[in-house]
Amino acid sequence: MAFAVYFFIGWISIICFFVQKKKFSVVENTVLFLCVLIVNLNWTWLIYEELGFITYSHDTWNFVAYLIKRSIVIPLLVLISLNFGRTDASLLKKLTHIIVSSLVILAVTSISHYLKVTTVKDWSILYDFFYYVALHIFGHLIHKWYQTYIVEKENEVLTR
């Protein structure tokens, strides 16, 4: 059951990303996706494997559902949120996008707990919320860094 639910959520998030009007280029989206994916993989490895605050199911299909959530759904939802806002949007609008997107990812995580894909030991869902907000902020910082150092350096080389 969990595999079917996460397979559906994964496909919906992929379709939403490709249908959405993007404000970033293909290269920017790729860099953002990979950076968010790397941070998310390392975070889940620390919390699940090393510290043992959350455990995942050892059932094969539930584990595949966990992998879909960790490797596809969460990074894509962050990327959708980053592409949704405008670059000239106010800080309040950006924070609203971050909070709403974090709540959506939190709902996906709650489904994971409900379907017994993951089991919480010494963990609060509030910690997940703070992590997802931090993940969004990290995505914004990576994009700002990319715009500042990579795109401007490319423009300098092209204008010479």
C-alpha atoms as a PDB file:
ATOM      1  CA  MET A   1       0.000   0.000   0.000  1.00  0.00           C
ATOM      2  CA  ALA A   2       2.760   2.461   0.924  1.00  0.00           C
ATOM      3  CA  PHE A   3       4.606   1.795  -2.331  1.00  0.00           C
ATOM      4  CA  ALA A   4       1.499   2.588  -4.386  1.00  0.00           C
ATOM      5  CA  VAL A   5       0.858   5.785  -2.430  1.00  0.00           C
ATOM      6  CA  TYR A   6       4.431   7.035  -2.763  1.00  0.00           C
ATOM      7  CA  PHE A   7       4.664   5.965  -6.392  1.00  0.00           C
ATOM      8  CA  PHE A   8       1.578   8.092  -7.030  1.00  0.00           C
ATOM      9  CA  ILE A   9       2.941  11.037  -5.010  1.00  0.00           C
ATOM     10  CA  GLY A  10       6.256  10.737  -6.834  1.00  0.00           C
ATOM     11  CA  TRP A  11       4.633  10.827 -10.251  1.00  0.00           C
ATOM     12  CA  ILE A  12       2.366  13.716  -9.271  1.00  0.00           C
ATOM     13  CA  SER A  13       5.359  15.727  -8.061  1.00  0.00           C
ATOM     14  CA  ILE A  14       7.299  14.956 -11.270  1.00  0.00           C
ATOM     15  CA  ILE A  15       4.337  15.970 -13.434  1.00  0.00           C
ATOM     16  CA  CYS A  16       3.785  19.155 -11.411  1.00  0.00           C
ATOM     17  CA  PHE A  17       7.449  20.079 -11.817  1.00  0.00           C
ATOM     18  CA  PHE A  18       7.486  19.564 -15.588  1.00  0.00           C
ATOM     19  CA  VAL A  19       4.147  21.303 -16.179  1.00  0.00           C
ATOM     20  CA  GLN A  20       5.017  24.275 -13.974  1.00  0.00           C
ATOM     21  CA  LYS A  21       6.308  27.476 -15.540  1.00  0.00           C
ATOM     22  CA  LYS A  22       9.911  27.597 -14.377  1.00  0.00           C
ATOM     23  CA  LYS A  23      11.832  30.732 -13.570  1.00  0.00           C
ATOM     24  CA  PHE A  24      15.193  28.928 -13.459  1.00  0.00           C
ATOM     25  CA  SER A  25      17.117  27.430 -16.348  1.00  0.00           C
ATOM     26  CA  VAL A  26      17.603  23.689 -16.820  1.00  0.00           C
ATOM     27  CA  VAL A  27      21.136  23.940 -15.435  1.00  0.00           C
ATOM     28  CA  GLU A  28      19.994  25.923 -12.385  1.00  0.00           C
ATOM     29  CA  ASN A  29      17.219  23.413 -11.690  1.00  0.00           C
ATOM     30  CA  THR A  30      19.671  20.536 -12.019  1.00  0.00           C
ATOM     31  CA  VAL A  31      22.178  22.145  -9.640  1.00  0.00           C
ATOM     32  CA  LEU A  32      19.436  22.941  -7.125  1.00  0.00           C
ATOM     33  CA  PHE A  33      17.953  19.440  -7.326  1.00  0.00           C
ATOM     34  CA  LEU A  34      21.332  17.773  -6.833  1.00  0.00           C
ATOM     35  CA  CYS A  35      22.347  20.045  -3.935  1.00  0.00           C
ATOM     36  CA  VAL A  36      19.023  19.539  -2.132  1.00  0.00           C
ATOM     37  CA  LEU A  37      19.237  15.796  -2.822  1.00  0.00           C
ATOM     38  CA  ILE A  38      22.757  15.575  -1.376  1.00  0.00           C
ATOM     39  CA  VAL A  39      21.765  17.445   1.786  1.00  0.00           C
ATOM     40  CA  ASN A  40      18.596  15.370   2.164  1.00  0.00           C
ATOM     41  CA  LEU A  41      20.448  12.069   1.706  1.00  0.00           C
ATOM     42  CA  ASN A  42      23.046  13.009   4.289  1.00  0.00           C
ATOM     43  CA  TRP A  43      20.420  14.266   6.740  1.00  0.00           C
ATOM     44  CA  THR A  44      18.342  11.106   6.507  1.00  0.00           C
ATOM     45  CA  TRP A  45      21.455   8.965   6.827  1.00  0.00           C
ATOM     46  CA  LEU A  46      22.409  10.784  10.035  1.00  0.00           C
ATOM     47  CA  ILE A  47      18.929  10.736  11.586  1.00  0.00           C
ATOM     48  CA  TYR A  48      17.917   7.223  10.491  1.00  0.00           C
ATOM     49  CA  GLU A  49      21.148   5.237  10.448  1.00  0.00           C
ATOM     50  CA  GLU A  50      23.609   6.925  12.791  1.00  0.00           C
ATOM     51  CA  LEU A  51      21.454   8.453  15.503  1.00  0.00           C
ATOM     52  CA  GLY A  52      18.510   6.064  15.205  1.00  0.00           C
ATOM     53  CA  PHE A  53      15.814   8.633  15.988  1.00  0.00           C
ATOM     54  CA  ILE A  54      13.671   7.282  13.177  1.00  0.00           C
ATOM     55  CA  THR A  55      13.741   3.795  11.724  1.00  0.00           C
ATOM     56  CA  TYR A  56      12.457   2.702   8.359  1.00  0.00           C
ATOM     57  CA  SER A  57      10.614  -0.498   7.571  1.00  0.00           C
ATOM     58  CA  HIS A  58      12.611  -3.519   6.450  1.00  0.00           C
ATOM     59  CA  ASP A  59       9.737  -4.691   4.287  1.00  0.00           C
ATOM     60  CA  THR A  60      10.908  -4.432   0.675  1.00  0.00           C
ATOM     61  CA  TRP A  61       8.019  -2.403  -0.746  1.00  0.00           C
ATOM     62  CA  ASN A  62       7.885  -0.063   2.246  1.00  0.00           C
ATOM     63  CA  PHE A  63      11.622   0.526   1.902  1.00  0.00           C
ATOM     64  CA  VAL A  64      11.176   1.378  -1.785  1.00  0.00           C
ATOM     65  CA  ALA A  65       8.432   3.823  -0.759  1.00  0.00           C
ATOM     66  CA  TYR A  66      10.888   5.374   1.733  1.00  0.00           C
ATOM     67  CA  LEU A  67      13.494   5.710  -1.036  1.00  0.00           C
ATOM     68  CA  ILE A  68      10.988   7.373  -3.356  1.00  0.00           C
ATOM     69  CA  LYS A  69      10.070   9.869  -0.638  1.00  0.00           C
ATOM     70  CA  ARG A  70      13.667  10.586   0.287  1.00  0.00           C
ATOM     71  CA  SER A  71      15.215  10.732  -3.163  1.00  0.00           C
ATOM     72  CA  ILE A  72      12.461  12.040  -5.430  1.00  0.00           C
ATOM     73  CA  VAL A  73       9.517  13.591  -3.621  1.00  0.00           C
ATOM     74  CA  ILE A  74      11.237  15.827  -1.058  1.00  0.00           C
ATOM     75  CA  PRO A  75      13.845  17.352  -3.424  1.00  0.00           C
ATOM     76  CA  LEU A  76      11.226  17.884  -6.141  1.00  0.00           C
ATOM     77  CA  LEU A  77       8.782  19.577  -3.775  1.00  0.00           C
ATOM     78  CA  VAL A  78      11.548  21.909  -2.633  1.00  0.00           C
ATOM     79  CA  LEU A  79      12.414  22.618  -6.275  1.00  0.00           C
ATOM     80  CA  ILE A  80       8.771  23.260  -7.146  1.00  0.00           C
ATOM     81  CA  SER A  81       8.573  25.729  -4.273  1.00  0.00           C
ATOM     82  CA  LEU A  82      11.750  27.506  -5.368  1.00  0.00           C
ATOM     83  CA  ASN A  83      10.470  27.805  -8.948  1.00  0.00           C
ATOM     84  CA  PHE A  84       7.044  28.945  -7.819  1.00  0.00           C
ATOM     85  CA  GLY A  85       8.019  32.288  -6.354  1.00  0.00           C
ATOM     86  CA  ARG A  86       9.309  35.311  -8.177  1.00  0.00           C
ATOM     87  CA  THR A  87      12.820  36.627  -7.735  1.00  0.00           C
ATOM     88  CA  ASP A  88      11.525  40.091  -6.868  1.00  0.00           C
ATOM     89  CA  ALA A  89       8.949  38.781  -4.378  1.00  0.00           C
ATOM     90  CA  SER A  90       8.879  40.241  -0.894  1.00  0.00           C
ATOM     91  CA  LEU A  91      10.366  38.423   2.049  1.00  0.00           C
ATOM     92  CA  LEU A  92       6.869  37.721   3.395  1.00  0.00           C
ATOM     93  CA  LYS A  93       5.832  35.988   0.152  1.00  0.00           C
ATOM     94  CA  LYS A  94       9.023  33.931   0.106  1.00  0.00           C
ATOM     95  CA  LEU A  95       8.479  32.887   3.725  1.00  0.00           C
ATOM     96  CA  THR A  96       4.868  31.988   2.920  1.00  0.00           C
ATOM     97  CA  HIS A  97       6.037  29.764   0.037  1.00  0.00           C
ATOM     98  CA  ILE A  98       8.608  28.126   2.283  1.00  0.00           C
ATOM     99  CA  ILE A  99       6.138  27.465   5.104  1.00  0.00           C
ATOM    100  CA  VAL A 100       3.393  26.136   2.818  1.00  0.00           C
ATOM    101  CA  SER A 101       5.826  23.885   0.966  1.00  0.00           C
ATOM    102  CA  SER A 102       7.300  22.659   4.263  1.00  0.00           C
ATOM    103  CA  LEU A 103       3.792  21.823   5.492  1.00  0.00           C
ATOM    104  CA  VAL A 104       3.120  19.852   2.297  1.00  0.00           C
ATOM    105  CA  ILE A 105       6.356  17.897   2.773  1.00  0.00           C
ATOM    106  CA  LEU A 106       5.402  17.406   6.415  1.00  0.00           C
ATOM    107  CA  ALA A 107       2.087  15.909   5.264  1.00  0.00           C
ATOM    108  CA  VAL A 108       4.017  13.504   3.035  1.00  0.00           C
ATOM    109  CA  THR A 109       6.177  12.585   6.024  1.00  0.00           C
ATOM    110  CA  SER A 110       3.077  12.060   8.169  1.00  0.00           C
ATOM    111  CA  ILE A 111       1.736   9.663   5.546  1.00  0.00           C
ATOM    112  CA  SER A 112       5.012   7.794   5.890  1.00  0.00           C
ATOM    113  CA  HIS A 113       4.495   7.455   9.641  1.00  0.00           C
ATOM    114  CA  TYR A 114       0.836   6.488   9.214  1.00  0.00           C
ATOM    115  CA  LEU A 115       1.617   3.736   6.680  1.00  0.00           C
ATOM    116  CA  LYS A 116       4.389   2.356   8.913  1.00  0.00           C
ATOM    117  CA  VAL A 117       7.115   3.144   6.382  1.00  0.00           C
ATOM    118  CA  THR A 118       8.979   4.904   9.166  1.00  0.00           C
ATOM    119  CA  THR A 119       8.746   4.592  12.927  1.00  0.00           C
ATOM    120  CA  VAL A 120       9.549   7.488  15.238  1.00  0.00           C
ATOM    121  CA  LYS A 121      11.480   6.821  18.455  1.00  0.00           C
ATOM    122  CA  ASP A 122      12.860   9.990  20.032  1.00  0.00           C
ATOM    123  CA  TRP A 123      11.729  12.476  17.425  1.00  0.00           C
ATOM    124  CA  SER A 124       9.140  15.196  17.022  1.00  0.00           C
ATOM    125  CA  ILE A 125       7.399  16.178  13.824  1.00  0.00           C
ATOM    126  CA  LEU A 126       8.342  19.756  14.707  1.00  0.00           C
ATOM    127  CA  TYR A 127      12.008  18.831  14.109  1.00  0.00           C
ATOM    128  CA  ASP A 128      11.045  17.680  10.621  1.00  0.00           C
ATOM    129  CA  PHE A 129       9.284  20.974   9.994  1.00  0.00           C
ATOM    130  CA  PHE A 130      12.370  22.974  11.022  1.00  0.00           C
ATOM    131  CA  TYR A 131      14.532  20.761   8.819  1.00  0.00           C
ATOM    132  CA  TYR A 132      12.280  21.292   5.781  1.00  0.00           C
ATOM    133  CA  VAL A 133      12.297  25.054   6.329  1.00  0.00           C
ATOM    134  CA  ALA A 134      16.106  24.934   6.577  1.00  0.00           C
ATOM    135  CA  LEU A 135      16.230  22.828   3.392  1.00  0.00           C
ATOM    136  CA  HIS A 136      14.246  25.498   1.543  1.00  0.00           C
ATOM    137  CA  ILE A 137      16.496  28.247   2.858  1.00  0.00           C
ATOM    138  CA  PHE A 138      19.513  26.193   1.791  1.00  0.00           C
ATOM    139  CA  GLY A 139      17.993  25.944  -1.700  1.00  0.00           C
ATOM    140  CA  HIS A 140      17.546  29.726  -1.819  1.00  0.00           C
ATOM    141  CA  LEU A 141      21.154  30.244  -0.692  1.00  0.00           C
ATOM    142  CA  ILE A 142      22.488  27.805  -3.282  1.00  0.00           C
ATOM    143  CA  HIS A 143      20.525  29.584  -5.985  1.00  0.00           C
ATOM    144  CA  LYS A 144      21.811  32.977  -4.829  1.00  0.00           C
ATOM    145  CA  TRP A 145      25.373  31.617  -4.820  1.00  0.00           C
ATOM    146  CA  TYR A 146      24.896  30.134  -8.270  1.00  0.00           C
ATOM    147  CA  GLN A 147      23.522  33.410  -9.641  1.00  0.00           C
ATOM    148  CA  THR A 148      26.287  35.463  -8.040  1.00  0.00           C
ATOM    149  CA  TYR A 149      29.349  33.415  -8.853  1.00  0.00           C
ATOM    150  CA  ILE A 150      28.588  31.159 -11.790  1.00  0.00           C
ATOM    151  CA  VAL A 151      26.190  33.139 -13.989  1.00  0.00           C
ATOM    152  CA  GLU A 152      27.961  36.470 -13.501  1.00  0.00           C
ATOM    153  CA  LYS A 153      31.359  34.881 -14.203  1.00  0.00           C
ATOM    154  CA  GLU A 154      29.957  33.323 -17.390  1.00  0.00           C
ATOM    155  CA  ASN A 155      28.612  36.723 -18.441  1.00  0.00           C
ATOM    156  CA  GLU A 156      32.028  38.314 -17.824  1.00  0.00           C
ATOM    157  CA  VAL A 157      33.719  35.722 -20.022  1.00  0.00           C
ATOM    158  CA  LEU A 158      31.119  36.198 -22.779  1.00  0.00           C
ATOM    159  CA  THR A 159      31.481  39.999 -22.797  1.00  0.00           C
ATOM    160  CA  ARG A 160      35.259  39.960 -23.185  1.00  0.00           C
END
